[in-house]
Amino acid sequence: MAKKDMTIKIKAEQVMFSNIAKSKDGYNSARVVAKIADNEYMSVNYEWEGNNIPDFAMSLMGFMQANAMELGTVSEHAEEYEALSAKKAPTKKDDMRDEEDDMKKKKKGKKKEKCSDDADTEDE
C-alpha cells in the first residue's frame, strides 16, 4: 500500500500567534497558531532537545521574517487569541506538573505531621 504525505499550508494573514523558545536545560519548542475559519483554529507545536535547531523552527522564523511579523500575538488577533487561550484545555505536561505539585505537597504534609508528632512527644 502506498503511503500518502500531508502538506499543511498557512497563510500569513491566518497567523494569530507564534513562539520559538530555547531553554538552558535543552528543552526547546516552536509553535504557531492559525485561524483557519470562523471558530476553527490550528495549532502546530514542535518540540526538540539539544542545541540543534530543526528545519521547522528555521522555517517558522523565515516565514515570520519574510512577512515582517514579530513573534508573539498578532495585534489584529490579540483579543480573539486571548479568548481562545483561556478556553484551552490543560496539556499532558500541565497535568504532569499538577501531579508533581500534589506529590510535593503530600511529602511536605507528611514531614509536618512527623515534626508535630515529634514535638508532642517531647512535651511529655
PDB file of N, CA and C in Angstrom:
ATOM      1  N   MET A   1       0.841  -1.169   0.000  1.00  0.00           N
ATOM      2  CA  MET A   1       0.000   0.000   0.000  1.00  0.00           C
ATOM      3  C   MET A   1       0.895   1.243   0.000  1.00  0.00           C
ATOM      4  N   ALA A   2       0.608   2.174  -0.879  1.00  0.00           N
ATOM      5  CA  ALA A   2       1.393   3.405  -0.972  1.00  0.00           C
ATOM      6  C   ALA A   2       1.061   4.332   0.191  1.00  0.00           C
ATOM      7  N   LYS A   3       2.071   4.996   0.679  1.00  0.00           N
ATOM      8  CA  LYS A   3       1.867   5.956   1.763  1.00  0.00           C
ATOM      9  C   LYS A   3       1.538   7.317   1.174  1.00  0.00           C
ATOM     10  N   LYS A   4       0.706   8.050   1.857  1.00  0.00           N
ATOM     11  CA  LYS A   4       0.288   9.355   1.385  1.00  0.00           C
ATOM     12  C   LYS A   4       0.826  10.416   2.339  1.00  0.00           C
ATOM     13  N   ASP A   5       1.478  11.423   1.812  1.00  0.00           N
ATOM     14  CA  ASP A   5       2.003  12.517   2.613  1.00  0.00           C
ATOM     15  C   ASP A   5       0.926  13.571   2.836  1.00  0.00           C
ATOM     16  N   MET A   6       1.172  14.436   3.811  1.00  0.00           N
ATOM     17  CA  MET A   6       0.258  15.519   4.093  1.00  0.00           C
ATOM     18  C   MET A   6       1.044  16.821   4.111  1.00  0.00           C
ATOM     19  N   THR A   7       0.503  17.851   3.487  1.00  0.00           N
ATOM     20  CA  THR A   7       1.116  19.174   3.490  1.00  0.00           C
ATOM     21  C   THR A   7       0.152  20.148   4.149  1.00  0.00           C
ATOM     22  N   ILE A   8       0.670  20.950   5.056  1.00  0.00           N
ATOM     23  CA  ILE A   8      -0.139  21.957   5.730  1.00  0.00           C
ATOM     24  C   ILE A   8       0.324  23.324   5.235  1.00  0.00           C
ATOM     25  N   LYS A   9      -0.624  24.134   4.798  1.00  0.00           N
ATOM     26  CA  LYS A   9      -0.289  25.455   4.289  1.00  0.00           C
ATOM     27  C   LYS A   9      -0.956  26.507   5.171  1.00  0.00           C
ATOM     28  N   ILE A  10      -0.170  27.453   5.640  1.00  0.00           N
ATOM     29  CA  ILE A  10      -0.679  28.527   6.488  1.00  0.00           C
ATOM     30  C   ILE A  10      -0.374  29.853   5.800  1.00  0.00           C
ATOM     31  N   LYS A  11      -1.424  30.655   5.597  1.00  0.00           N
ATOM     32  CA  LYS A  11      -1.251  31.979   5.005  1.00  0.00           C
ATOM     33  C   LYS A  11      -0.854  32.958   6.108  1.00  0.00           C
ATOM     34  N   ALA A  12      -0.082  33.954   5.744  1.00  0.00           N
ATOM     35  CA  ALA A  12       0.387  34.941   6.720  1.00  0.00           C
ATOM     36  C   ALA A  12      -0.763  35.596   7.466  1.00  0.00           C
ATOM     37  N   GLU A  13      -1.856  35.898   6.770  1.00  0.00           N
ATOM     38  CA  GLU A  13      -2.984  36.571   7.424  1.00  0.00           C
ATOM     39  C   GLU A  13      -3.751  35.666   8.375  1.00  0.00           C
ATOM     40  N   GLN A  14      -3.493  34.366   8.345  1.00  0.00           N
ATOM     41  CA  GLN A  14      -4.152  33.430   9.251  1.00  0.00           C
ATOM     42  C   GLN A  14      -3.441  33.333  10.600  1.00  0.00           C
ATOM     43  N   VAL A  15      -2.179  33.724  10.671  1.00  0.00           N
ATOM     44  CA  VAL A  15      -1.384  33.551  11.885  1.00  0.00           C
ATOM     45  C   VAL A  15      -1.909  34.448  12.999  1.00  0.00           C
ATOM     46  N   MET A  16      -2.182  33.829  14.139  1.00  0.00           N
ATOM     47  CA  MET A  16      -2.654  34.555  15.319  1.00  0.00           C
ATOM     48  C   MET A  16      -1.554  34.684  16.368  1.00  0.00           C
ATOM     49  N   PHE A  17      -0.667  33.685  16.420  1.00  0.00           N
ATOM     50  CA  PHE A  17       0.372  33.641  17.449  1.00  0.00           C
ATOM     51  C   PHE A  17       1.524  32.776  16.969  1.00  0.00           C
ATOM     52  N   SER A  18       2.734  33.154  17.336  1.00  0.00           N
ATOM     53  CA  SER A  18       3.890  32.308  17.052  1.00  0.00           C
ATOM     54  C   SER A  18       4.902  32.476  18.178  1.00  0.00           C
ATOM     55  N   ASN A  19       5.676  31.430  18.423  1.00  0.00           N
ATOM     56  CA  ASN A  19       6.642  31.460  19.508  1.00  0.00           C
ATOM     57  C   ASN A  19       7.751  30.459  19.228  1.00  0.00           C
ATOM     58  N   ILE A  20       8.982  30.844  19.526  1.00  0.00           N
ATOM     59  CA  ILE A  20      10.117  29.920  19.484  1.00  0.00           C
ATOM     60  C   ILE A  20      10.855  30.112  20.799  1.00  0.00           C
ATOM     61  N   ALA A  21      11.072  29.019  21.518  1.00  0.00           N
ATOM     62  CA  ALA A  21      11.719  29.097  22.822  1.00  0.00           C
ATOM     63  C   ALA A  21      12.824  28.064  22.928  1.00  0.00           C
ATOM     64  N   LYS A  22      13.946  28.491  23.482  1.00  0.00           N
ATOM     65  CA  LYS A  22      15.086  27.604  23.712  1.00  0.00           C
ATOM     66  C   LYS A  22      15.478  27.765  25.173  1.00  0.00           C
ATOM     67  N   SER A  23      15.585  26.662  25.888  1.00  0.00           N
ATOM     68  CA  SER A  23      15.905  26.749  27.306  1.00  0.00           C
ATOM     69  C   SER A  23      17.291  26.194  27.603  1.00  0.00           C
ATOM     70  N   LYS A  24      17.800  26.563  28.750  1.00  0.00           N
ATOM     71  CA  LYS A  24      19.128  26.118  29.171  1.00  0.00           C
ATOM     72  C   LYS A  24      19.185  24.612  29.416  1.00  0.00           C
ATOM     73  N   ASP A  25      18.054  24.035  29.837  1.00  0.00           N
ATOM     74  CA  ASP A  25      18.034  22.607  30.155  1.00  0.00           C
ATOM     75  C   ASP A  25      17.894  21.714  28.925  1.00  0.00           C
ATOM     76  N   GLY A  26      17.873  22.330  27.720  1.00  0.00           N
ATOM     77  CA  GLY A  26      17.847  21.540  26.494  1.00  0.00           C
ATOM     78  C   GLY A  26      16.469  21.257  25.944  1.00  0.00           C
ATOM     79  N   TYR A  27      15.412  21.753  26.598  1.00  0.00           N
ATOM     80  CA  TYR A  27      14.053  21.559  26.101  1.00  0.00           C
ATOM     81  C   TYR A  27      13.680  22.782  25.279  1.00  0.00           C
ATOM     82  N   ASN A  28      13.343  22.589  24.023  1.00  0.00           N
ATOM     83  CA  ASN A  28      13.077  23.684  23.103  1.00  0.00           C
ATOM     84  C   ASN A  28      11.734  23.465  22.411  1.00  0.00           C
ATOM     85  N   SER A  29      11.121  24.570  21.956  1.00  0.00           N
ATOM     86  CA  SER A  29       9.840  24.431  21.281  1.00  0.00           C
ATOM     87  C   SER A  29       9.605  25.562  20.292  1.00  0.00           C
ATOM     88  N   ALA A  30       8.788  25.263  19.300  1.00  0.00           N
ATOM     89  CA  ALA A  30       8.320  26.254  18.332  1.00  0.00           C
ATOM     90  C   ALA A  30       6.832  26.019  18.171  1.00  0.00           C
ATOM     91  N   ARG A  31       6.065  27.110  18.076  1.00  0.00           N
ATOM     92  CA  ARG A  31       4.612  26.973  17.991  1.00  0.00           C
ATOM     93  C   ARG A  31       4.032  28.065  17.110  1.00  0.00           C
ATOM     94  N   VAL A  32       3.035  27.712  16.342  1.00  0.00           N
ATOM     95  CA  VAL A  32       2.287  28.686  15.549  1.00  0.00           C
ATOM     96  C   VAL A  32       0.805  28.324  15.641  1.00  0.00           C
ATOM     97  N   VAL A  33      -0.041  29.349  15.823  1.00  0.00           N
ATOM     98  CA  VAL A  33      -1.490  29.168  15.880  1.00  0.00           C
ATOM     99  C   VAL A  33      -2.085  29.964  14.731  1.00  0.00           C
ATOM    100  N   ALA A  34      -2.960  29.306  13.956  1.00  0.00           N
ATOM    101  CA  ALA A  34      -3.591  29.953  12.809  1.00  0.00           C
ATOM    102  C   ALA A  34      -5.101  29.835  12.908  1.00  0.00           C
ATOM    103  N   LYS A  35      -5.777  30.879  12.437  1.00  0.00           N
ATOM    104  CA  LYS A  35      -7.237  30.843  12.354  1.00  0.00           C
ATOM    105  C   LYS A  35      -7.573  30.341  10.961  1.00  0.00           C
ATOM    106  N   ILE A  36      -8.177  29.188  10.887  1.00  0.00           N
ATOM    107  CA  ILE A  36      -8.485  28.554   9.607  1.00  0.00           C
ATOM    108  C   ILE A  36      -9.813  29.056   9.055  1.00  0.00           C
ATOM    109  N   ALA A  37     -10.812  29.192   9.920  1.00  0.00           N
ATOM    110  CA  ALA A  37     -12.139  29.700   9.554  1.00  0.00           C
ATOM    111  C   ALA A  37     -12.795  30.172  10.844  1.00  0.00           C
ATOM    112  N   ASP A  38     -14.014  30.700  10.753  1.00  0.00           N
ATOM    113  CA  ASP A  38     -14.715  31.100  11.971  1.00  0.00           C
ATOM    114  C   ASP A  38     -14.834  29.901  12.901  1.00  0.00           C
ATOM    115  N   ASN A  39     -14.396  30.097  14.130  1.00  0.00           N
ATOM    116  CA  ASN A  39     -14.433  29.061  15.168  1.00  0.00           C
ATOM    117  C   ASN A  39     -13.619  27.820  14.824  1.00  0.00           C
ATOM    118  N   GLU A  40     -12.614  27.961  13.954  1.00  0.00           N
ATOM    119  CA  GLU A  40     -11.712  26.854  13.614  1.00  0.00           C
ATOM    120  C   GLU A  40     -10.274  27.360  13.684  1.00  0.00           C
ATOM    121  N   TYR A  41      -9.469  26.661  14.481  1.00  0.00           N
ATOM    122  CA  TYR A  41      -8.090  27.071  14.705  1.00  0.00           C
ATOM    123  C   TYR A  41      -7.170  25.863  14.580  1.00  0.00           C
ATOM    124  N   MET A  42      -5.946  26.136  14.186  1.00  0.00           N
ATOM    125  CA  MET A  42      -4.955  25.069  14.105  1.00  0.00           C
ATOM    126  C   MET A  42      -3.721  25.517  14.881  1.00  0.00           C
ATOM    127  N   SER A  43      -3.231  24.636  15.718  1.00  0.00           N
ATOM    128  CA  SER A  43      -2.022  24.902  16.476  1.00  0.00           C
ATOM    129  C   SER A  43      -0.987  23.850  16.093  1.00  0.00           C
ATOM    130  N   VAL A  44       0.192  24.299  15.679  1.00  0.00           N
ATOM    131  CA  VAL A  44       1.271  23.379  15.344  1.00  0.00           C
ATOM    132  C   VAL A  44       2.365  23.573  16.386  1.00  0.00           C
ATOM    133  N   ASN A  45       2.666  22.520  17.128  1.00  0.00           N
ATOM    134  CA  ASN A  45       3.708  22.541  18.148  1.00  0.00           C
ATOM    135  C   ASN A  45       4.837  21.623  17.715  1.00  0.00           C
ATOM    136  N   TYR A  46       6.053  22.089  17.881  1.00  0.00           N
ATOM    137  CA  TYR A  46       7.221  21.293  17.532  1.00  0.00           C
ATOM    138  C   TYR A  46       8.170  21.383  18.717  1.00  0.00           C
ATOM    139  N   GLU A  47       8.583  20.253  19.246  1.00  0.00           N
ATOM    140  CA  GLU A  47       9.455  20.234  20.410  1.00  0.00           C
ATOM    141  C   GLU A  47      10.678  19.386  20.119  1.00  0.00           C
ATOM    142  N   TRP A  48      11.811  19.804  20.676  1.00  0.00           N
ATOM    143  CA  TRP A  48      13.042  19.042  20.466  1.00  0.00           C
ATOM    144  C   TRP A  48      13.998  19.282  21.627  1.00  0.00           C
ATOM    145  N   GLU A  49      14.979  18.396  21.726  1.00  0.00           N
ATOM    146  CA  GLU A  49      16.007  18.520  22.752  1.00  0.00           C
ATOM    147  C   GLU A  49      17.350  18.739  22.088  1.00  0.00           C
ATOM    148  N   GLY A  50      18.223  19.436  22.784  1.00  0.00           N
ATOM    149  CA  GLY A  50      19.571  19.657  22.289  1.00  0.00           C
ATOM    150  C   GLY A  50      19.763  21.040  21.704  1.00  0.00           C
ATOM    151  N   ASN A  51      20.967  21.279  21.225  1.00  0.00           N
ATOM    152  CA  ASN A  51      21.331  22.598  20.724  1.00  0.00           C
ATOM    153  C   ASN A  51      21.023  22.814  19.249  1.00  0.00           C
ATOM    154  N   ASN A  52      20.782  21.746  18.518  1.00  0.00           N
ATOM    155  CA  ASN A  52      20.478  21.895  17.092  1.00  0.00           C
ATOM    156  C   ASN A  52      19.109  22.528  16.901  1.00  0.00           C
ATOM    157  N   ILE A  53      18.980  23.344  15.868  1.00  0.00           N
ATOM    158  CA  ILE A  53      17.693  23.965  15.545  1.00  0.00           C
ATOM    159  C   ILE A  53      17.122  23.239  14.332  1.00  0.00           C
ATOM    160  N   PRO A  54      15.965  22.581  14.487  1.00  0.00           N
ATOM    161  CA  PRO A  54      15.393  21.800  13.384  1.00  0.00           C
ATOM    162  C   PRO A  54      14.844  22.691  12.271  1.00  0.00           C
ATOM    163  N   ASP A  55      14.619  22.079  11.128  1.00  0.00           N
ATOM    164  CA  ASP A  55      14.117  22.795   9.954  1.00  0.00           C
ATOM    165  C   ASP A  55      12.804  23.516  10.230  1.00  0.00           C
ATOM    166  N   PHE A  56      11.906  22.908  11.015  1.00  0.00           N
ATOM    167  CA  PHE A  56      10.623  23.557  11.273  1.00  0.00           C
ATOM    168  C   PHE A  56      10.812  24.907  11.953  1.00  0.00           C
ATOM    169  N   ALA A  57      11.661  24.964  12.959  1.00  0.00           N
ATOM    170  CA  ALA A  57      11.898  26.222  13.675  1.00  0.00           C
ATOM    171  C   ALA A  57      12.543  27.259  12.756  1.00  0.00           C
ATOM    172  N   MET A  58      13.475  26.822  11.935  1.00  0.00           N
ATOM    173  CA  MET A  58      14.118  27.743  10.983  1.00  0.00           C
ATOM    174  C   MET A  58      13.103  28.230   9.948  1.00  0.00           C
ATOM    175  N   SER A  59      12.244  27.335   9.483  1.00  0.00           N
ATOM    176  CA  SER A  59      11.216  27.722   8.506  1.00  0.00           C
ATOM    177  C   SER A  59      10.221  28.704   9.119  1.00  0.00           C
ATOM    178  N   LEU A  60       9.836  28.464  10.376  1.00  0.00           N
ATOM    179  CA  LEU A  60       8.919  29.371  11.046  1.00  0.00           C
ATOM    180  C   LEU A  60       9.543  30.759  11.171  1.00  0.00           C
ATOM    181  N   MET A  61      10.797  30.807  11.557  1.00  0.00           N
ATOM    182  CA  MET A  61      11.482  32.097  11.680  1.00  0.00           C
ATOM    183  C   MET A  61      11.569  32.791  10.324  1.00  0.00           C
ATOM    184  N   GLY A  62      11.904  32.053   9.276  1.00  0.00           N
ATOM    185  CA  GLY A  62      11.970  32.614   7.931  1.00  0.00           C
ATOM    186  C   GLY A  62      10.620  33.126   7.467  1.00  0.00           C
ATOM    187  N   PHE A  63       9.554  32.375   7.758  1.00  0.00           N
ATOM    188  CA  PHE A  63       8.190  32.767   7.411  1.00  0.00           C
ATOM    189  C   PHE A  63       7.824  34.082   8.097  1.00  0.00           C
ATOM    190  N   MET A  64       8.139  34.177   9.388  1.00  0.00           N
ATOM    191  CA  MET A  64       7.813  35.391  10.140  1.00  0.00           C
ATOM    192  C   MET A  64       8.603  36.587   9.605  1.00  0.00           C
ATOM    193  N   GLN A  65       9.882  36.397   9.328  1.00  0.00           N
ATOM    194  CA  GLN A  65      10.706  37.494   8.815  1.00  0.00           C
ATOM    195  C   GLN A  65      10.255  37.933   7.428  1.00  0.00           C
ATOM    196  N   ALA A  66       9.943  36.977   6.558  1.00  0.00           N
ATOM    197  CA  ALA A  66       9.523  37.300   5.191  1.00  0.00           C
ATOM    198  C   ALA A  66       8.216  38.087   5.174  1.00  0.00           C
ATOM    199  N   ASN A  67       7.383  37.876   6.176  1.00  0.00           N
ATOM    200  CA  ASN A  67       6.101  38.565   6.247  1.00  0.00           C
ATOM    201  C   ASN A  67       6.124  39.738   7.238  1.00  0.00           C
ATOM    202  N   ALA A  68       7.329  40.134   7.634  1.00  0.00           N
ATOM    203  CA  ALA A  68       7.519  41.258   8.565  1.00  0.00           C
ATOM    204  C   ALA A  68       6.641  41.116   9.809  1.00  0.00           C
ATOM    205  N   MET A  69       6.621  39.910  10.368  1.00  0.00           N
ATOM    206  CA  MET A  69       5.827  39.630  11.561  1.00  0.00           C
ATOM    207  C   MET A  69       6.766  39.393  12.731  1.00  0.00           C
ATOM    208  N   GLU A  70       6.335  39.812  13.915  1.00  0.00           N
ATOM    209  CA  GLU A  70       7.103  39.549  15.121  1.00  0.00           C
ATOM    210  C   GLU A  70       6.561  38.308  15.802  1.00  0.00           C
ATOM    211  N   LEU A  71       7.416  37.643  16.563  1.00  0.00           N
ATOM    212  CA  LEU A  71       6.951  36.508  17.347  1.00  0.00           C
ATOM    213  C   LEU A  71       6.024  37.019  18.436  1.00  0.00           C
ATOM    214  N   GLY A  72       5.084  36.216  18.840  1.00  0.00           N
ATOM    215  CA  GLY A  72       4.108  36.603  19.858  1.00  0.00           C
ATOM    216  C   GLY A  72       2.732  36.697  19.233  1.00  0.00           C
ATOM    217  N   THR A  73       1.835  37.373  19.922  1.00  0.00           N
ATOM    218  CA  THR A  73       0.465  37.508  19.452  1.00  0.00           C
ATOM    219  C   THR A  73       0.372  38.575  18.372  1.00  0.00           C
ATOM    220  N   VAL A  74      -0.302  38.265  17.281  1.00  0.00           N
ATOM    221  CA  VAL A  74      -0.524  39.228  16.201  1.00  0.00           C
ATOM    222  C   VAL A  74      -1.587  40.209  16.689  1.00  0.00           C
ATOM    223  N   SER A  75      -1.280  41.508  16.639  1.00  0.00           N
ATOM    224  CA  SER A  75      -2.149  42.523  17.243  1.00  0.00           C
ATOM    225  C   SER A  75      -3.593  42.473  16.740  1.00  0.00           C
ATOM    226  N   GLU A  76      -3.807  42.240  15.463  1.00  0.00           N
ATOM    227  CA  GLU A  76      -5.182  42.223  14.953  1.00  0.00           C
ATOM    228  C   GLU A  76      -5.985  41.019  15.438  1.00  0.00           C
ATOM    229  N   HIS A  77      -5.298  40.011  15.981  1.00  0.00           N
ATOM    230  CA  HIS A  77      -5.985  38.817  16.503  1.00  0.00           C
ATOM    231  C   HIS A  77      -5.850  38.712  18.025  1.00  0.00           C
ATOM    232  N   ALA A  78      -5.318  39.734  18.672  1.00  0.00           N
ATOM    233  CA  ALA A  78      -4.964  39.648  20.095  1.00  0.00           C
ATOM    234  C   ALA A  78      -6.141  39.237  20.981  1.00  0.00           C
ATOM    235  N   GLU A  79      -7.272  39.935  20.857  1.00  0.00           N
ATOM    236  CA  GLU A  79      -8.419  39.630  21.718  1.00  0.00           C
ATOM    237  C   GLU A  79      -8.947  38.221  21.477  1.00  0.00           C
ATOM    238  N   GLU A  80      -9.042  37.843  20.219  1.00  0.00           N
ATOM    239  CA  GLU A  80      -9.561  36.521  19.878  1.00  0.00           C
ATOM    240  C   GLU A  80      -8.603  35.429  20.367  1.00  0.00           C
ATOM    241  N   TYR A  81      -7.298  35.672  20.213  1.00  0.00           N
ATOM    242  CA  TYR A  81      -6.322  34.677  20.662  1.00  0.00           C
ATOM    243  C   TYR A  81      -6.361  34.522  22.180  1.00  0.00           C
ATOM    244  N   GLU A  82      -6.496  35.631  22.901  1.00  0.00           N
ATOM    245  CA  GLU A  82      -6.583  35.566  24.361  1.00  0.00           C
ATOM    246  C   GLU A  82      -7.815  34.763  24.794  1.00  0.00           C
ATOM    247  N   ALA A  83      -8.931  34.996  24.123  1.00  0.00           N
ATOM    248  CA  ALA A  83     -10.152  34.243  24.438  1.00  0.00           C
ATOM    249  C   ALA A  83      -9.960  32.762  24.140  1.00  0.00           C
ATOM    250  N   LEU A  84      -9.321  32.466  23.031  1.00  0.00           N
ATOM    251  CA  LEU A  84      -9.051  31.084  22.653  1.00  0.00           C
ATOM    252  C   LEU A  84      -8.123  30.423  23.672  1.00  0.00           C
ATOM    253  N   SER A  85      -7.089  31.122  24.094  1.00  0.00           N
ATOM    254  CA  SER A  85      -6.132  30.581  25.065  1.00  0.00           C
ATOM    255  C   SER A  85      -6.792  30.304  26.404  1.00  0.00           C
ATOM    256  N   ALA A  86      -7.744  31.148  26.780  1.00  0.00           N
ATOM    257  CA  ALA A  86      -8.439  30.962  28.053  1.00  0.00           C
ATOM    258  C   ALA A  86      -9.275  29.684  28.047  1.00  0.00           C
ATOM    259  N   LYS A  87      -9.763  29.285  26.875  1.00  0.00           N
ATOM    260  CA  LYS A  87     -10.588  28.077  26.756  1.00  0.00           C
ATOM    261  C   LYS A  87      -9.751  26.810  26.671  1.00  0.00           C
ATOM    262  N   LYS A  88      -8.471  26.956  26.358  1.00  0.00           N
ATOM    263  CA  LYS A  88      -7.593  25.815  26.094  1.00  0.00           C
ATOM    264  C   LYS A  88      -7.575  24.835  27.260  1.00  0.00           C
ATOM    265  N   ALA A  89      -7.717  23.571  26.939  1.00  0.00           N
ATOM    266  CA  ALA A  89      -7.662  22.516  27.956  1.00  0.00           C
ATOM    267  C   ALA A  89      -6.217  22.306  28.382  1.00  0.00           C
ATOM    268  N   PRO A  90      -5.984  21.876  29.617  1.00  0.00           N
ATOM    269  CA  PRO A  90      -4.613  21.633  30.062  1.00  0.00           C
ATOM    270  C   PRO A  90      -3.954  20.519  29.250  1.00  0.00           C
ATOM    271  N   THR A  91      -2.663  20.663  29.029  1.00  0.00           N
ATOM    272  CA  THR A  91      -1.910  19.666  28.271  1.00  0.00           C
ATOM    273  C   THR A  91      -1.438  18.557  29.198  1.00  0.00           C
ATOM    274  N   LYS A  92      -0.899  17.501  28.631  1.00  0.00           N
ATOM    275  CA  LYS A  92      -0.348  16.410  29.443  1.00  0.00           C
ATOM    276  C   LYS A  92       0.751  16.955  30.337  1.00  0.00           C
ATOM    277  N   LYS A  93       1.545  17.874  29.800  1.00  0.00           N
ATOM    278  CA  LYS A  93       2.640  18.445  30.566  1.00  0.00           C
ATOM    279  C   LYS A  93       2.085  19.191  31.778  1.00  0.00           C
ATOM    280  N   ASP A  94       0.986  19.942  31.588  1.00  0.00           N
ATOM    281  CA  ASP A  94       0.341  20.640  32.689  1.00  0.00           C
ATOM    282  C   ASP A  94      -0.161  19.635  33.720  1.00  0.00           C
ATOM    283  N   ASP A  95      -0.774  18.548  33.253  1.00  0.00           N
ATOM    284  CA  ASP A  95      -1.268  17.513  34.150  1.00  0.00           C
ATOM    285  C   ASP A  95      -0.129  16.897  34.951  1.00  0.00           C
ATOM    286  N   MET A  96       1.013  16.665  34.295  1.00  0.00           N
ATOM    287  CA  MET A  96       2.170  16.088  34.975  1.00  0.00           C
ATOM    288  C   MET A  96       2.679  17.053  36.043  1.00  0.00           C
ATOM    289  N   ARG A  97       2.711  18.353  35.726  1.00  0.00           N
ATOM    290  CA  ARG A  97       3.155  19.339  36.713  1.00  0.00           C
ATOM    291  C   ARG A  97       2.212  19.345  37.901  1.00  0.00           C
ATOM    292  N   ASP A  98       0.897  19.256  37.653  1.00  0.00           N
ATOM    293  CA  ASP A  98      -0.071  19.216  38.737  1.00  0.00           C
ATOM    294  C   ASP A  98       0.162  18.003  39.627  1.00  0.00           C
ATOM    295  N   GLU A  99       0.428  16.840  39.010  1.00  0.00           N
ATOM    296  CA  GLU A  99       0.692  15.629  39.780  1.00  0.00           C
ATOM    297  C   GLU A  99       1.957  15.786  40.615  1.00  0.00           C
ATOM    298  N   GLU A 100       3.012  16.388  40.020  1.00  0.00           N
ATOM    299  CA  GLU A 100       4.260  16.609  40.752  1.00  0.00           C
ATOM    300  C   GLU A 100       4.022  17.548  41.929  1.00  0.00           C
ATOM    301  N   ASP A 101       3.260  18.610  41.712  1.00  0.00           N
ATOM    302  CA  ASP A 101       2.943  19.548  42.786  1.00  0.00           C
ATOM    303  C   ASP A 101       2.178  18.845  43.905  1.00  0.00           C
ATOM    304  N   ASP A 102       1.206  18.005  43.520  1.00  0.00           N
ATOM    305  CA  ASP A 102       0.432  17.266  44.518  1.00  0.00           C
ATOM    306  C   ASP A 102       1.333  16.352  45.333  1.00  0.00           C
ATOM    307  N   MET A 103       2.269  15.677  44.668  1.00  0.00           N
ATOM    308  CA  MET A 103       3.188  14.773  45.364  1.00  0.00           C
ATOM    309  C   MET A 103       4.066  15.564  46.338  1.00  0.00           C
ATOM    310  N   LYS A 104       4.550  16.736  45.891  1.00  0.00           N
ATOM    311  CA  LYS A 104       5.388  17.560  46.776  1.00  0.00           C
ATOM    312  C   LYS A 104       4.596  18.016  47.995  1.00  0.00           C
ATOM    313  N   LYS A 105       3.336  18.413  47.786  1.00  0.00           N
ATOM    314  CA  LYS A 105       2.501  18.854  48.895  1.00  0.00           C
ATOM    315  C   LYS A 105       2.269  17.714  49.878  1.00  0.00           C
ATOM    316  N   LYS A 106       2.042  16.492  49.357  1.00  0.00           N
ATOM    317  CA  LYS A 106       1.827  15.339  50.234  1.00  0.00           C
ATOM    318  C   LYS A 106       3.070  15.065  51.071  1.00  0.00           C
ATOM    319  N   LYS A 107       4.256  15.154  50.430  1.00  0.00           N
ATOM    320  CA  LYS A 107       5.506  14.922  51.156  1.00  0.00           C
ATOM    321  C   LYS A 107       5.692  15.967  52.241  1.00  0.00           C
ATOM    322  N   LYS A 108       5.411  17.242  51.910  1.00  0.00           N
ATOM    323  CA  LYS A 108       5.538  18.308  52.905  1.00  0.00           C
ATOM    324  C   LYS A 108       4.577  18.076  54.050  1.00  0.00           C
ATOM    325  N   GLY A 109       3.353  17.647  53.729  1.00  0.00           N
ATOM    326  CA  GLY A 109       2.347  17.367  54.751  1.00  0.00           C
ATOM    327  C   GLY A 109       2.804  16.272  55.687  1.00  0.00           C
ATOM    328  N   LYS A 110       3.410  15.217  55.129  1.00  0.00           N
ATOM    329  CA  LYS A 110       3.901  14.111  55.959  1.00  0.00           C
ATOM    330  C   LYS A 110       5.027  14.584  56.860  1.00  0.00           C
ATOM    331  N   LYS A 111       5.916  15.445  56.329  1.00  0.00           N
ATOM    332  CA  LYS A 111       7.018  15.968  57.142  1.00  0.00           C
ATOM    333  C   LYS A 111       6.475  16.807  58.284  1.00  0.00           C
ATOM    334  N   LYS A 112       5.466  17.643  58.001  1.00  0.00           N
ATOM    335  CA  LYS A 112       4.874  18.478  59.045  1.00  0.00           C
ATOM    336  C   LYS A 112       4.227  17.613  60.112  1.00  0.00           C
ATOM    337  N   GLU A 113       3.514  16.548  59.687  1.00  0.00           N
ATOM    338  CA  GLU A 113       2.876  15.647  60.647  1.00  0.00           C
ATOM    339  C   GLU A 113       3.921  15.002  61.536  1.00  0.00           C
ATOM    340  N   LYS A 114       5.018  14.574  60.922  1.00  0.00           N
ATOM    341  CA  LYS A 114       6.080  13.911  61.668  1.00  0.00           C
ATOM    342  C   LYS A 114       6.693  14.888  62.663  1.00  0.00           C
ATOM    343  N   CYS A 115       6.945  16.116  62.217  1.00  0.00           N
ATOM    344  CA  CYS A 115       7.512  17.128  63.103  1.00  0.00           C
ATOM    345  C   CYS A 115       6.569  17.430  64.255  1.00  0.00           C
ATOM    346  N   SER A 116       5.283  17.551  63.993  1.00  0.00           N
ATOM    347  CA  SER A 116       4.323  17.849  65.061  1.00  0.00           C
ATOM    348  C   SER A 116       4.199  16.660  66.009  1.00  0.00           C
ATOM    349  N   ASP A 117       4.320  15.431  65.504  1.00  0.00           N
ATOM    350  CA  ASP A 117       4.304  14.247  66.369  1.00  0.00           C
ATOM    351  C   ASP A 117       5.519  14.255  67.278  1.00  0.00           C
ATOM    352  N   ASP A 118       6.692  14.608  66.707  1.00  0.00           N
ATOM    353  CA  ASP A 118       7.917  14.675  67.496  1.00  0.00           C
ATOM    354  C   ASP A 118       7.786  15.733  68.579  1.00  0.00           C
ATOM    355  N   ALA A 119       7.204  16.875  68.250  1.00  0.00           N
ATOM    356  CA  ALA A 119       7.023  17.950  69.210  1.00  0.00           C
ATOM    357  C   ALA A 119       6.108  17.509  70.342  1.00  0.00           C
ATOM    358  N   ASP A 120       5.068  16.745  69.997  1.00  0.00           N
ATOM    359  CA  ASP A 120       4.124  16.272  71.020  1.00  0.00           C
ATOM    360  C   ASP A 120       4.818  15.344  72.000  1.00  0.00           C
ATOM    361  N   THR A 121       5.704  14.474  71.512  1.00  0.00           N
ATOM    362  CA  THR A 121       6.370  13.508  72.400  1.00  0.00           C
ATOM    363  C   THR A 121       7.415  14.190  73.264  1.00  0.00           C
ATOM    364  N   GLU A 122       7.996  15.285  72.785  1.00  0.00           N
ATOM    365  CA  GLU A 122       8.989  15.990  73.585  1.00  0.00           C
ATOM    366  C   GLU A 122       8.340  16.653  74.798  1.00  0.00           C
ATOM    367  N   ASP A 123       7.093  17.092  74.649  1.00  0.00           N
ATOM    368  CA  ASP A 123       6.399  17.767  75.728  1.00  0.00           C
ATOM    369  C   ASP A 123       6.072  16.813  76.878  1.00  0.00           C
ATOM    370  N   GLU A 124       5.969  15.527  76.567  1.00  0.00           N
ATOM    371  CA  GLU A 124       5.557  14.547  77.595  1.00  0.00           C
ATOM    372  C   GLU A 124       6.613  14.266  78.571  1.00  0.00           C
TER     373      GLU A 124
END
